[in-house]
Structure formats: structure tokens, C-alpha cells
Amino acid sequence: MEIILACLSFLFYKASKFIIGNLFTIYLALNKEKASQWRILSEETLNTPLSLPVLMTKGPRWNTHAIISTLGPFLVKSQLSINTEIANNSAQSWIAVVYSFPSYKTIATLESANEKQSLDLPPGKYTLGLRYYHWYETIILPNVKVDGVEIVESKTVPRDINKFYQNLSEKNNWFYTALHYYIFTLLRYRKWFPESFVQREYLPVGAPDTQFFYGYLQPGQSLQLEVNSLISKSYNIYLTLYNRASLPVSWCQITEEKQPIQAIDTKGFYLIRIRPHGTVKEPGLGELNLETKLNTVVIKTR
């Protein structure tokens, strides 16, 4: 029965994503004023009509560890520039990802680990996603230029902008549960499916230098993470636990080599993000020796 319900959930998610995604694309294309402003993920955003359904179909693996802002769509003839000085003064680590519009494929990135301020892009329409990690007391989104012309001014962000995550799981209802019901089953029977399919369905559109580890949790199961000390010195490790509706119920940064995680009381899944520290470009995990990588993720029953 669970497999049958999961198949129905999969079809329901795909249909909802298509309908809601197209409505959102049309909205952005028509609302040029909204497209030319920084859109910050916040309580205010979630209170606007259709915002939560859009997020639950376009980016349902919530990144509870970053301040997230988006911009666009906008036309580019040749170059996109970001005031990286403002970004560097706002967060220890940040990354700006350029996506094609309306396909939302990752095209290029700017980040705190390099000194570039501009990207040469082929002519086309794009959106920009900005993530701030380990933000400072004063947080400002940078001004952005396209082909030498400023399209958005800098904008100050409240330091507690992410407080809405604390109550986000209370917004759960039958619609969101039905949308993501299949994910738990997919992860539970992961070995039956091609890994590329599982990753495409579960993982977010992450930055190129972000590594993911993930799995499912039964009620009462808890995680114990064992992390190599060399990894923790060069990388930030973030963990988020989600309920079956893919709403975050718990999250933390992993700071110990052996760190137990409190169990959740419902069926759900977890996602571990591993990102390099801020201003120094670290080698990718794929370039490191096996013994310096994340050792293992062990699931223990409480």
C-alpha cells in the first residue's frame, strides 16, 4: 500500500510542480517590478499568496543554515557583476548562483572563496540566487549590475530573518504531505533505483562545491555522525532533519568528530551539506584522500 501511495504522490508532485511552476514563471515574467528587487526568504515572503506552494515544489529541501535571496529574471547581453565587497562584509561564506530562465539550470557561480566580481555570460535571460552562511551583525545584499548598468540596489537584511524556520513545520497539511510522501519510500528502497534518479528527486540545486549525504529515518531512529578531524577544519558541515512533508523539524551545524543527533518522532529524512570554509578556496572532497573524507553516517535506533 505504501508503494502504491508513493507512486500516486510522485505523480501528484510532478503535476503540481508543472502547474505551480508555470504560474510562478508567468508571474515573474509579467511582474517586472518584483523581478527587479531582491526577494528574501522570510516570514513575510511565506505570508504572500502561493509562496509556500511554490517553494514546496521548486525547492523543498529547505536550507535552514543560510540566508537566501533571489533576483530576476533579467536579460544579459554579456556580463553580470556583483558588489563582492558588500557580500564579504556581510557573511563569512557566501555563494551567488546564476540560473537560466525559465529552465533554472545552473550556469555559473561567484563566491567568497575567489576574487572574481563579474561573470561573462552568453546572451539570455537569467535569475540569481544568493546564499549567506555565518552572517555578521550587519547584513547587506549587494547591488548587482548587468552589462555595466545597475539593476538592483543594495539592501539591508534583519539579522533574525531566518526565525520563521522555528515554526515552519506547523504549516504542514495534507497537500504538502501528499506532495512529498514518495520521498521517504524512495530513500527507503533507494537500492532499487538508479542513484542519479534518487539524487534528482531528493537533492536541492546546490552550489558546485557542496557535497551531500542523505537518507531516511524511522520514528525513534537517531543519527550518529563520525567526521574526520581534517574535514571539520576545512569544511562546514550542516545537518537538517525533515518530516515526511519535507518541512524542517531540526537542524544544527556538526562541530564534533562524533556527534549524536536527537531522534525525531515521525517518519522523515535527513540531508547533510558539506561546504568549504569562507574565504579560502579548499580542494573539493573528490580531490582529497579517502581517509580525509567524511568517514561514515551511522544510523542507530534509540
C-alpha atoms as a PDB file:
ATOM      1  CA  MET A   1       0.000   0.000   0.000  1.00  0.00           C
ATOM      2  CA  GLU A   2       2.827   2.412   0.821  1.00  0.00           C
ATOM      3  CA  ILE A   3       4.422   1.829  -2.581  1.00  0.00           C
ATOM      4  CA  ILE A   4       1.092   2.481  -4.317  1.00  0.00           C
ATOM      5  CA  LEU A   5       0.601   5.701  -2.316  1.00  0.00           C
ATOM      6  CA  ALA A   6       4.197   6.707  -3.084  1.00  0.00           C
ATOM      7  CA  CYS A   7       3.577   6.276  -6.831  1.00  0.00           C
ATOM      8  CA  LEU A   8       0.450   8.430  -6.585  1.00  0.00           C
ATOM      9  CA  SER A   9       2.413  11.009  -4.582  1.00  0.00           C
ATOM     10  CA  PHE A  10       5.137  11.069  -7.244  1.00  0.00           C
ATOM     11  CA  LEU A  11       2.578  11.778  -9.981  1.00  0.00           C
ATOM     12  CA  PHE A  12       0.845  14.381  -7.816  1.00  0.00           C
ATOM     13  CA  TYR A  13       4.154  16.150  -7.150  1.00  0.00           C
ATOM     14  CA  LYS A  14       5.108  16.246 -10.827  1.00  0.00           C
ATOM     15  CA  ALA A  15       1.704  17.608 -11.849  1.00  0.00           C
ATOM     16  CA  SER A  16       1.715  20.215  -9.053  1.00  0.00           C
ATOM     17  CA  LYS A  17       5.260  21.283  -9.835  1.00  0.00           C
ATOM     18  CA  PHE A  18       4.379  21.753 -13.505  1.00  0.00           C
ATOM     19  CA  ILE A  19       1.237  23.795 -12.814  1.00  0.00           C
ATOM     20  CA  ILE A  20       2.600  25.908  -9.931  1.00  0.00           C
ATOM     21  CA  GLY A  21       5.980  26.359 -11.615  1.00  0.00           C
ATOM     22  CA  ASN A  22       4.419  27.677 -14.807  1.00  0.00           C
ATOM     23  CA  LEU A  23       2.157  30.037 -12.871  1.00  0.00           C
ATOM     24  CA  PHE A  24       5.199  31.368 -10.994  1.00  0.00           C
ATOM     25  CA  THR A  25       7.170  31.765 -14.226  1.00  0.00           C
ATOM     26  CA  ILE A  26       4.328  33.741 -15.778  1.00  0.00           C
ATOM     27  CA  TYR A  27       4.051  35.867 -12.633  1.00  0.00           C
ATOM     28  CA  LEU A  28       7.749  36.771 -12.718  1.00  0.00           C
ATOM     29  CA  ALA A  29       7.676  37.436 -16.443  1.00  0.00           C
ATOM     30  CA  LEU A  30       4.737  39.845 -16.073  1.00  0.00           C
ATOM     31  CA  ASN A  31       5.694  41.456 -12.762  1.00  0.00           C
ATOM     32  CA  LYS A  32       8.821  43.334 -13.809  1.00  0.00           C
ATOM     33  CA  GLU A  33       8.900  45.371 -10.581  1.00  0.00           C
ATOM     34  CA  LYS A  34       9.072  42.201  -8.470  1.00  0.00           C
ATOM     35  CA  ALA A  35      11.725  40.734 -10.748  1.00  0.00           C
ATOM     36  CA  SER A  36      13.959  43.779 -10.263  1.00  0.00           C
ATOM     37  CA  GLN A  37      14.026  43.517  -6.451  1.00  0.00           C
ATOM     38  CA  TRP A  38      15.849  41.229  -4.047  1.00  0.00           C
ATOM     39  CA  ARG A  39      13.342  38.616  -2.846  1.00  0.00           C
ATOM     40  CA  ILE A  40      14.432  37.453   0.618  1.00  0.00           C
ATOM     41  CA  LEU A  41      13.144  34.166   2.019  1.00  0.00           C
ATOM     42  CA  SER A  42      11.375  35.251   5.197  1.00  0.00           C
ATOM     43  CA  GLU A  43       8.145  35.106   7.183  1.00  0.00           C
ATOM     44  CA  GLU A  44       6.854  37.987   5.094  1.00  0.00           C
ATOM     45  CA  THR A  45       7.545  36.028   1.911  1.00  0.00           C
ATOM     46  CA  LEU A  46       5.698  32.966   3.180  1.00  0.00           C
ATOM     47  CA  ASN A  47       2.651  35.063   4.037  1.00  0.00           C
ATOM     48  CA  THR A  48       2.153  36.120   0.419  1.00  0.00           C
ATOM     49  CA  PRO A  49      -0.254  34.023  -1.689  1.00  0.00           C
ATOM     50  CA  LEU A  50       1.187  30.902  -3.345  1.00  0.00           C
ATOM     51  CA  SER A  51       4.714  31.497  -1.984  1.00  0.00           C
ATOM     52  CA  LEU A  52       4.807  28.363   0.166  1.00  0.00           C
ATOM     53  CA  PRO A  53       3.358  26.073  -2.558  1.00  0.00           C
ATOM     54  CA  VAL A  54       5.978  27.468  -4.967  1.00  0.00           C
ATOM     55  CA  LEU A  55       8.804  26.777  -2.517  1.00  0.00           C
ATOM     56  CA  MET A  56       7.469  23.310  -1.699  1.00  0.00           C
ATOM     57  CA  THR A  57       7.561  22.345  -5.368  1.00  0.00           C
ATOM     58  CA  LYS A  58      10.635  24.243  -6.616  1.00  0.00           C
ATOM     59  CA  GLY A  59      12.976  23.984  -3.585  1.00  0.00           C
ATOM     60  CA  PRO A  60      11.503  21.673  -0.956  1.00  0.00           C
ATOM     61  CA  ARG A  61      14.779  20.691   0.743  1.00  0.00           C
ATOM     62  CA  TRP A  62      14.945  23.828   2.858  1.00  0.00           C
ATOM     63  CA  ASN A  63      18.416  25.188   3.592  1.00  0.00           C
ATOM     64  CA  THR A  64      17.979  26.225   7.220  1.00  0.00           C
ATOM     65  CA  HIS A  65      21.622  27.303   7.535  1.00  0.00           C
ATOM     66  CA  ALA A  66      21.717  30.162   5.035  1.00  0.00           C
ATOM     67  CA  ILE A  67      20.025  33.467   4.367  1.00  0.00           C
ATOM     68  CA  ILE A  68      18.577  33.012   0.878  1.00  0.00           C
ATOM     69  CA  SER A  69      17.691  35.722  -1.621  1.00  0.00           C
ATOM     70  CA  THR A  70      16.763  35.615  -5.295  1.00  0.00           C
ATOM     71  CA  LEU A  71      16.720  38.140  -8.105  1.00  0.00           C
ATOM     72  CA  GLY A  72      15.310  38.176 -11.623  1.00  0.00           C
ATOM     73  CA  PRO A  73      14.616  37.178 -14.273  1.00  0.00           C
ATOM     74  CA  PHE A  74      16.726  39.737 -16.126  1.00  0.00           C
ATOM     75  CA  LEU A  75      18.232  39.975 -19.591  1.00  0.00           C
ATOM     76  CA  VAL A  76      22.009  39.779 -20.012  1.00  0.00           C
ATOM     77  CA  LYS A  77      23.906  40.621 -23.177  1.00  0.00           C
ATOM     78  CA  SER A  78      27.412  39.788 -21.983  1.00  0.00           C
ATOM     79  CA  GLN A  79      28.237  40.396 -18.298  1.00  0.00           C
ATOM     80  CA  LEU A  80      26.849  40.160 -14.769  1.00  0.00           C
ATOM     81  CA  SER A  81      28.629  41.901 -11.861  1.00  0.00           C
ATOM     82  CA  ILE A  82      28.110  41.691  -8.084  1.00  0.00           C
ATOM     83  CA  ASN A  83      29.486  44.001  -5.403  1.00  0.00           C
ATOM     84  CA  THR A  84      31.510  41.293  -3.694  1.00  0.00           C
ATOM     85  CA  GLU A  85      32.909  43.707  -1.102  1.00  0.00           C
ATOM     86  CA  ILE A  86      29.434  44.093   0.381  1.00  0.00           C
ATOM     87  CA  ALA A  87      28.921  40.322   0.354  1.00  0.00           C
ATOM     88  CA  ASN A  88      32.304  39.681   2.022  1.00  0.00           C
ATOM     89  CA  ASN A  89      31.455  42.214   4.747  1.00  0.00           C
ATOM     90  CA  SER A  90      28.078  40.565   5.368  1.00  0.00           C
ATOM     91  CA  ALA A  91      28.958  36.879   5.704  1.00  0.00           C
ATOM     92  CA  GLN A  92      31.936  34.630   6.346  1.00  0.00           C
ATOM     93  CA  SER A  93      30.887  32.446   3.426  1.00  0.00           C
ATOM     94  CA  TRP A  94      28.562  33.180   0.521  1.00  0.00           C
ATOM     95  CA  ILE A  95      27.771  31.996  -2.966  1.00  0.00           C
ATOM     96  CA  ALA A  96      25.801  33.522  -5.834  1.00  0.00           C
ATOM     97  CA  VAL A  97      24.459  31.068  -8.406  1.00  0.00           C
ATOM     98  CA  VAL A  98      23.301  32.120 -11.873  1.00  0.00           C
ATOM     99  CA  TYR A  99      20.429  30.063 -13.305  1.00  0.00           C
ATOM    100  CA  SER A 100      18.969  30.063 -16.799  1.00  0.00           C
ATOM    101  CA  PHE A 101      15.334  31.160 -17.025  1.00  0.00           C
ATOM    102  CA  PRO A 102      12.867  29.522 -17.142  1.00  0.00           C
ATOM    103  CA  SER A 103      14.688  26.149 -17.064  1.00  0.00           C
ATOM    104  CA  TYR A 104      16.602  27.008 -13.834  1.00  0.00           C
ATOM    105  CA  LYS A 105      19.757  25.185 -14.887  1.00  0.00           C
ATOM    106  CA  THR A 106      22.937  26.211 -13.071  1.00  0.00           C
ATOM    107  CA  ILE A 107      25.073  28.334 -15.413  1.00  0.00           C
ATOM    108  CA  ALA A 108      27.821  29.916 -13.283  1.00  0.00           C
ATOM    109  CA  THR A 109      28.753  30.911  -9.727  1.00  0.00           C
ATOM    110  CA  LEU A 110      30.505  33.672  -7.807  1.00  0.00           C
ATOM    111  CA  GLU A 111      31.587  33.016  -4.252  1.00  0.00           C
ATOM    112  CA  SER A 112      33.562  34.235  -1.282  1.00  0.00           C
ATOM    113  CA  ALA A 113      36.417  31.827  -1.990  1.00  0.00           C
ATOM    114  CA  ASN A 114      37.618  33.665  -5.095  1.00  0.00           C
ATOM    115  CA  GLU A 115      38.284  37.247  -6.112  1.00  0.00           C
ATOM    116  CA  LYS A 116      36.093  37.473  -9.193  1.00  0.00           C
ATOM    117  CA  GLN A 117      33.409  40.150  -9.266  1.00  0.00           C
ATOM    118  CA  SER A 118      31.977  39.580 -12.744  1.00  0.00           C
ATOM    119  CA  LEU A 119      30.788  36.730 -14.924  1.00  0.00           C
ATOM    120  CA  ASP A 120      30.804  36.672 -18.715  1.00  0.00           C
ATOM    121  CA  LEU A 121      27.533  35.101 -19.856  1.00  0.00           C
ATOM    122  CA  PRO A 122      26.033  34.313 -23.262  1.00  0.00           C
ATOM    123  CA  PRO A 123      23.043  36.492 -24.177  1.00  0.00           C
ATOM    124  CA  GLY A 124      19.903  35.293 -22.465  1.00  0.00           C
ATOM    125  CA  LYS A 125      17.531  35.568 -19.535  1.00  0.00           C
ATOM    126  CA  TYR A 126      18.745  34.571 -16.058  1.00  0.00           C
ATOM    127  CA  THR A 127      17.909  34.554 -12.366  1.00  0.00           C
ATOM    128  CA  LEU A 128      20.323  34.891  -9.458  1.00  0.00           C
ATOM    129  CA  GLY A 129      20.281  33.017  -6.154  1.00  0.00           C
ATOM    130  CA  LEU A 130      22.398  34.304  -3.254  1.00  0.00           C
ATOM    131  CA  ARG A 131      23.155  32.379  -0.054  1.00  0.00           C
ATOM    132  CA  TYR A 132      24.852  33.850   3.020  1.00  0.00           C
ATOM    133  CA  TYR A 133      26.386  31.464   5.584  1.00  0.00           C
ATOM    134  CA  HIS A 134      27.676  32.556   9.009  1.00  0.00           C
ATOM    135  CA  TRP A 135      26.473  36.091   8.566  1.00  0.00           C
ATOM    136  CA  TYR A 136      27.810  39.041  10.535  1.00  0.00           C
ATOM    137  CA  GLU A 137      25.995  41.619  12.648  1.00  0.00           C
ATOM    138  CA  THR A 138      25.295  43.865   9.658  1.00  0.00           C
ATOM    139  CA  ILE A 139      23.856  42.027   6.672  1.00  0.00           C
ATOM    140  CA  ILE A 140      23.527  43.712   3.296  1.00  0.00           C
ATOM    141  CA  LEU A 141      22.583  42.179  -0.032  1.00  0.00           C
ATOM    142  CA  PRO A 142      24.894  43.571  -2.735  1.00  0.00           C
ATOM    143  CA  ASN A 143      23.996  45.788  -5.640  1.00  0.00           C
ATOM    144  CA  VAL A 144      24.090  43.991  -8.993  1.00  0.00           C
ATOM    145  CA  LYS A 145      24.981  45.282 -12.458  1.00  0.00           C
ATOM    146  CA  VAL A 146      24.103  43.816 -15.841  1.00  0.00           C
ATOM    147  CA  ASP A 147      26.219  44.981 -18.793  1.00  0.00           C
ATOM    148  CA  GLY A 148      27.503  47.851 -16.661  1.00  0.00           C
ATOM    149  CA  VAL A 149      24.048  49.100 -15.598  1.00  0.00           C
ATOM    150  CA  GLU A 150      22.846  48.675 -12.014  1.00  0.00           C
ATOM    151  CA  ILE A 151      19.630  46.635 -11.920  1.00  0.00           C
ATOM    152  CA  VAL A 152      19.184  46.400  -8.139  1.00  0.00           C
ATOM    153  CA  GLU A 153      20.473  48.440  -5.208  1.00  0.00           C
ATOM    154  CA  SER A 154      21.993  47.002  -2.051  1.00  0.00           C
ATOM    155  CA  LYS A 155      19.503  46.065   0.664  1.00  0.00           C
ATOM    156  CA  THR A 156      19.879  45.610   4.428  1.00  0.00           C
ATOM    157  CA  VAL A 157      18.566  42.385   5.930  1.00  0.00           C
ATOM    158  CA  PRO A 158      17.467  41.859   9.579  1.00  0.00           C
ATOM    159  CA  ARG A 159      19.824  39.527  11.412  1.00  0.00           C
ATOM    160  CA  ASP A 160      16.954  37.304  12.602  1.00  0.00           C
ATOM    161  CA  ILE A 161      15.440  36.914   9.136  1.00  0.00           C
ATOM    162  CA  ASN A 162      15.529  33.084   9.405  1.00  0.00           C
ATOM    163  CA  LYS A 163      13.470  32.862  12.604  1.00  0.00           C
ATOM    164  CA  PHE A 164      10.462  31.663  10.565  1.00  0.00           C
ATOM    165  CA  TYR A 165      12.051  28.190  10.362  1.00  0.00           C
ATOM    166  CA  GLN A 166      11.245  27.622  14.045  1.00  0.00           C
ATOM    167  CA  ASN A 167       7.521  27.334  13.284  1.00  0.00           C
ATOM    168  CA  LEU A 168       7.604  26.277   9.644  1.00  0.00           C
ATOM    169  CA  SER A 169       6.659  22.647  10.337  1.00  0.00           C
ATOM    170  CA  GLU A 170       3.361  23.873  11.835  1.00  0.00           C
ATOM    171  CA  LYS A 171       2.254  24.787   8.302  1.00  0.00           C
ATOM    172  CA  ASN A 172       2.025  21.106   7.399  1.00  0.00           C
ATOM    173  CA  ASN A 173      -1.234  19.892   5.850  1.00  0.00           C
ATOM    174  CA  TRP A 174      -2.498  17.128   3.583  1.00  0.00           C
ATOM    175  CA  PHE A 175      -1.307  18.923   0.438  1.00  0.00           C
ATOM    176  CA  TYR A 176       2.362  19.093   1.459  1.00  0.00           C
ATOM    177  CA  THR A 177       2.299  15.571   2.870  1.00  0.00           C
ATOM    178  CA  ALA A 178       0.828  14.279  -0.389  1.00  0.00           C
ATOM    179  CA  LEU A 179       3.445  16.169  -2.408  1.00  0.00           C
ATOM    180  CA  HIS A 180       6.426  14.600  -0.642  1.00  0.00           C
ATOM    181  CA  TYR A 181       5.037  11.308   0.649  1.00  0.00           C
ATOM    182  CA  TYR A 182       7.013   9.416  -2.004  1.00  0.00           C
ATOM    183  CA  ILE A 183      10.422  10.741  -0.879  1.00  0.00           C
ATOM    184  CA  PHE A 184      10.553   8.608   2.284  1.00  0.00           C
ATOM    185  CA  THR A 185       9.675   5.496   0.276  1.00  0.00           C
ATOM    186  CA  LEU A 186      12.207   6.394  -2.422  1.00  0.00           C
ATOM    187  CA  LEU A 187      15.001   6.722   0.137  1.00  0.00           C
ATOM    188  CA  ARG A 188      13.899   3.596   1.988  1.00  0.00           C
ATOM    189  CA  TYR A 189      14.122   1.498  -1.199  1.00  0.00           C
ATOM    190  CA  ARG A 190      16.987   3.501  -2.641  1.00  0.00           C
ATOM    191  CA  LYS A 191      18.907   0.449  -3.840  1.00  0.00           C
ATOM    192  CA  TRP A 192      16.085  -0.396  -6.247  1.00  0.00           C
ATOM    193  CA  PHE A 193      16.569   2.831  -8.218  1.00  0.00           C
ATOM    194  CA  PRO A 194      19.412   4.413 -10.195  1.00  0.00           C
ATOM    195  CA  GLU A 195      21.343   6.758  -7.900  1.00  0.00           C
ATOM    196  CA  SER A 196      21.032   9.562 -10.437  1.00  0.00           C
ATOM    197  CA  PHE A 197      17.232   9.326 -10.204  1.00  0.00           C
ATOM    198  CA  VAL A 198      17.278   9.404  -6.392  1.00  0.00           C
ATOM    199  CA  GLN A 199      19.593  12.411  -6.384  1.00  0.00           C
ATOM    200  CA  ARG A 200      17.485  14.260  -8.944  1.00  0.00           C
ATOM    201  CA  GLU A 201      14.334  13.757  -6.890  1.00  0.00           C
ATOM    202  CA  TYR A 202      15.779  14.476  -3.465  1.00  0.00           C
ATOM    203  CA  LEU A 203      18.770  16.786  -3.630  1.00  0.00           C
ATOM    204  CA  PRO A 204      18.436  20.550  -3.985  1.00  0.00           C
ATOM    205  CA  VAL A 205      20.087  22.514  -6.773  1.00  0.00           C
ATOM    206  CA  GLY A 206      23.219  23.098  -4.722  1.00  0.00           C
ATOM    207  CA  ALA A 207      26.384  25.019  -5.348  1.00  0.00           C
ATOM    208  CA  PRO A 208      29.039  23.051  -7.292  1.00  0.00           C
ATOM    209  CA  ASP A 209      31.321  22.860  -4.238  1.00  0.00           C
ATOM    210  CA  THR A 210      28.623  21.498  -1.901  1.00  0.00           C
ATOM    211  CA  GLN A 211      28.674  17.788  -1.098  1.00  0.00           C
ATOM    212  CA  PHE A 212      25.553  15.951   0.109  1.00  0.00           C
ATOM    213  CA  PHE A 213      24.892  12.916   2.299  1.00  0.00           C
ATOM    214  CA  TYR A 214      21.315  11.828   2.934  1.00  0.00           C
ATOM    215  CA  GLY A 215      18.921   9.072   3.957  1.00  0.00           C
ATOM    216  CA  TYR A 216      15.638   8.266   5.686  1.00  0.00           C
ATOM    217  CA  LEU A 217      14.707   7.919   9.352  1.00  0.00           C
ATOM    218  CA  GLN A 218      12.065   5.775  11.006  1.00  0.00           C
ATOM    219  CA  PRO A 219      10.292   7.159  14.108  1.00  0.00           C
ATOM    220  CA  GLY A 220      12.653   6.881  17.076  1.00  0.00           C
ATOM    221  CA  GLN A 221      15.798   6.445  14.978  1.00  0.00           C
ATOM    222  CA  SER A 222      18.671   8.821  15.527  1.00  0.00           C
ATOM    223  CA  LEU A 223      21.883   9.636  13.691  1.00  0.00           C
ATOM    224  CA  GLN A 224      25.410   9.487  14.949  1.00  0.00           C
ATOM    225  CA  LEU A 225      27.881  11.225  12.664  1.00  0.00           C
ATOM    226  CA  GLU A 226      31.542  10.331  12.623  1.00  0.00           C
ATOM    227  CA  VAL A 227      33.604  13.030  10.938  1.00  0.00           C
ATOM    228  CA  ASN A 228      37.314  13.054  10.168  1.00  0.00           C
ATOM    229  CA  SER A 229      39.041  15.903  12.029  1.00  0.00           C
ATOM    230  CA  LEU A 230      40.734  17.130   8.826  1.00  0.00           C
ATOM    231  CA  ILE A 231      37.318  17.636   7.223  1.00  0.00           C
ATOM    232  CA  SER A 232      35.981  19.673  10.137  1.00  0.00           C
ATOM    233  CA  LYS A 233      39.000  22.009   9.920  1.00  0.00           C
ATOM    234  CA  SER A 234      38.432  22.826   6.254  1.00  0.00           C
ATOM    235  CA  TYR A 235      34.682  22.402   5.813  1.00  0.00           C
ATOM    236  CA  ASN A 236      31.430  23.441   7.458  1.00  0.00           C
ATOM    237  CA  ILE A 237      29.030  20.546   7.954  1.00  0.00           C
ATOM    238  CA  TYR A 238      25.312  21.246   8.254  1.00  0.00           C
ATOM    239  CA  LEU A 239      22.522  18.807   9.098  1.00  0.00           C
ATOM    240  CA  THR A 240      18.780  19.269   8.577  1.00  0.00           C
ATOM    241  CA  LEU A 241      16.067  16.763   9.544  1.00  0.00           C
ATOM    242  CA  TYR A 242      12.752  16.872   7.684  1.00  0.00           C
ATOM    243  CA  ASN A 243       9.361  15.318   8.352  1.00  0.00           C
ATOM    244  CA  ARG A 244       7.598  13.340   5.655  1.00  0.00           C
ATOM    245  CA  ALA A 245       6.152  16.545   4.196  1.00  0.00           C
ATOM    246  CA  SER A 246       9.744  17.810   3.713  1.00  0.00           C
ATOM    247  CA  LEU A 247       9.337  20.565   6.302  1.00  0.00           C
ATOM    248  CA  PRO A 248      12.372  21.075   8.577  1.00  0.00           C
ATOM    249  CA  VAL A 249      11.904  19.930  12.177  1.00  0.00           C
ATOM    250  CA  SER A 250      15.500  20.117  13.442  1.00  0.00           C
ATOM    251  CA  TRP A 251      18.870  21.399  12.247  1.00  0.00           C
ATOM    252  CA  CYS A 252      22.388  22.066  13.513  1.00  0.00           C
ATOM    253  CA  GLN A 253      25.985  22.505  12.470  1.00  0.00           C
ATOM    254  CA  ILE A 254      28.184  19.474  13.096  1.00  0.00           C
ATOM    255  CA  THR A 255      31.166  20.550  15.196  1.00  0.00           C
ATOM    256  CA  GLU A 256      32.329  17.312  16.857  1.00  0.00           C
ATOM    257  CA  GLU A 257      34.092  14.299  15.378  1.00  0.00           C
ATOM    258  CA  LYS A 258      31.439  12.037  16.918  1.00  0.00           C
ATOM    259  CA  GLN A 259      28.162  13.846  17.320  1.00  0.00           C
ATOM    260  CA  PRO A 260      24.872  12.119  18.223  1.00  0.00           C
ATOM    261  CA  ILE A 261      21.697  13.690  16.874  1.00  0.00           C
ATOM    262  CA  GLN A 262      18.389  13.608  18.734  1.00  0.00           C
ATOM    263  CA  ALA A 263      15.788  11.315  17.175  1.00  0.00           C
ATOM    264  CA  ILE A 264      12.612  12.582  15.528  1.00  0.00           C
ATOM    265  CA  ASP A 265       9.229  11.086  16.448  1.00  0.00           C
ATOM    266  CA  THR A 266       7.932  10.695  12.902  1.00  0.00           C
ATOM    267  CA  LYS A 267       8.963   9.225   9.574  1.00  0.00           C
ATOM    268  CA  GLY A 268      11.328  11.588   7.829  1.00  0.00           C
ATOM    269  CA  PHE A 269      14.690  12.078   6.180  1.00  0.00           C
ATOM    270  CA  TYR A 270      17.937  13.968   6.644  1.00  0.00           C
ATOM    271  CA  LEU A 271      20.267  15.986   4.480  1.00  0.00           C
ATOM    272  CA  ILE A 272      23.895  16.785   5.277  1.00  0.00           C
ATOM    273  CA  ARG A 273      25.529  19.676   3.425  1.00  0.00           C
ATOM    274  CA  ILE A 274      29.338  19.950   3.423  1.00  0.00           C
ATOM    275  CA  ARG A 275      30.745  23.278   2.264  1.00  0.00           C
ATOM    276  CA  PRO A 276      34.261  24.776   2.298  1.00  0.00           C
ATOM    277  CA  HIS A 277      35.068  27.469   4.847  1.00  0.00           C
ATOM    278  CA  GLY A 278      34.597  31.058   3.747  1.00  0.00           C
ATOM    279  CA  THR A 279      37.410  32.985   2.119  1.00  0.00           C
ATOM    280  CA  VAL A 280      39.990  30.286   1.343  1.00  0.00           C
ATOM    281  CA  LYS A 281      39.367  28.015  -1.603  1.00  0.00           C
ATOM    282  CA  GLU A 282      39.591  24.454  -0.279  1.00  0.00           C
ATOM    283  CA  PRO A 283      40.048  21.403  -2.504  1.00  0.00           C
ATOM    284  CA  GLY A 284      36.845  19.577  -3.369  1.00  0.00           C
ATOM    285  CA  LEU A 285      36.076  16.430  -1.400  1.00  0.00           C
ATOM    286  CA  GLY A 286      36.634  14.426  -4.546  1.00  0.00           C
ATOM    287  CA  GLU A 287      40.222  15.675  -4.645  1.00  0.00           C
ATOM    288  CA  LEU A 288      41.010  14.608  -1.082  1.00  0.00           C
ATOM    289  CA  ASN A 289      42.391  11.262   0.004  1.00  0.00           C
ATOM    290  CA  LEU A 290      39.795   8.728   1.087  1.00  0.00           C
ATOM    291  CA  GLU A 291      40.957   8.794   4.722  1.00  0.00           C
ATOM    292  CA  THR A 292      40.341  12.547   4.962  1.00  0.00           C
ATOM    293  CA  LYS A 293      36.743  12.373   3.746  1.00  0.00           C
ATOM    294  CA  LEU A 294      33.620  12.035   5.830  1.00  0.00           C
ATOM    295  CA  ASN A 295      34.091   8.619   7.407  1.00  0.00           C
ATOM    296  CA  THR A 296      30.545   7.391   7.737  1.00  0.00           C
ATOM    297  CA  VAL A 297      26.990   8.222   8.712  1.00  0.00           C
ATOM    298  CA  VAL A 298      25.726   5.604  11.170  1.00  0.00           C
ATOM    299  CA  ILE A 299      22.027   5.238  11.977  1.00  0.00           C
ATOM    300  CA  LYS A 300      21.343   3.962  15.471  1.00  0.00           C
ATOM    301  CA  THR A 301      17.978   3.066  16.928  1.00  0.00           C
ATOM    302  CA  ARG A 302      17.156   4.845  20.137  1.00  0.00           C
END
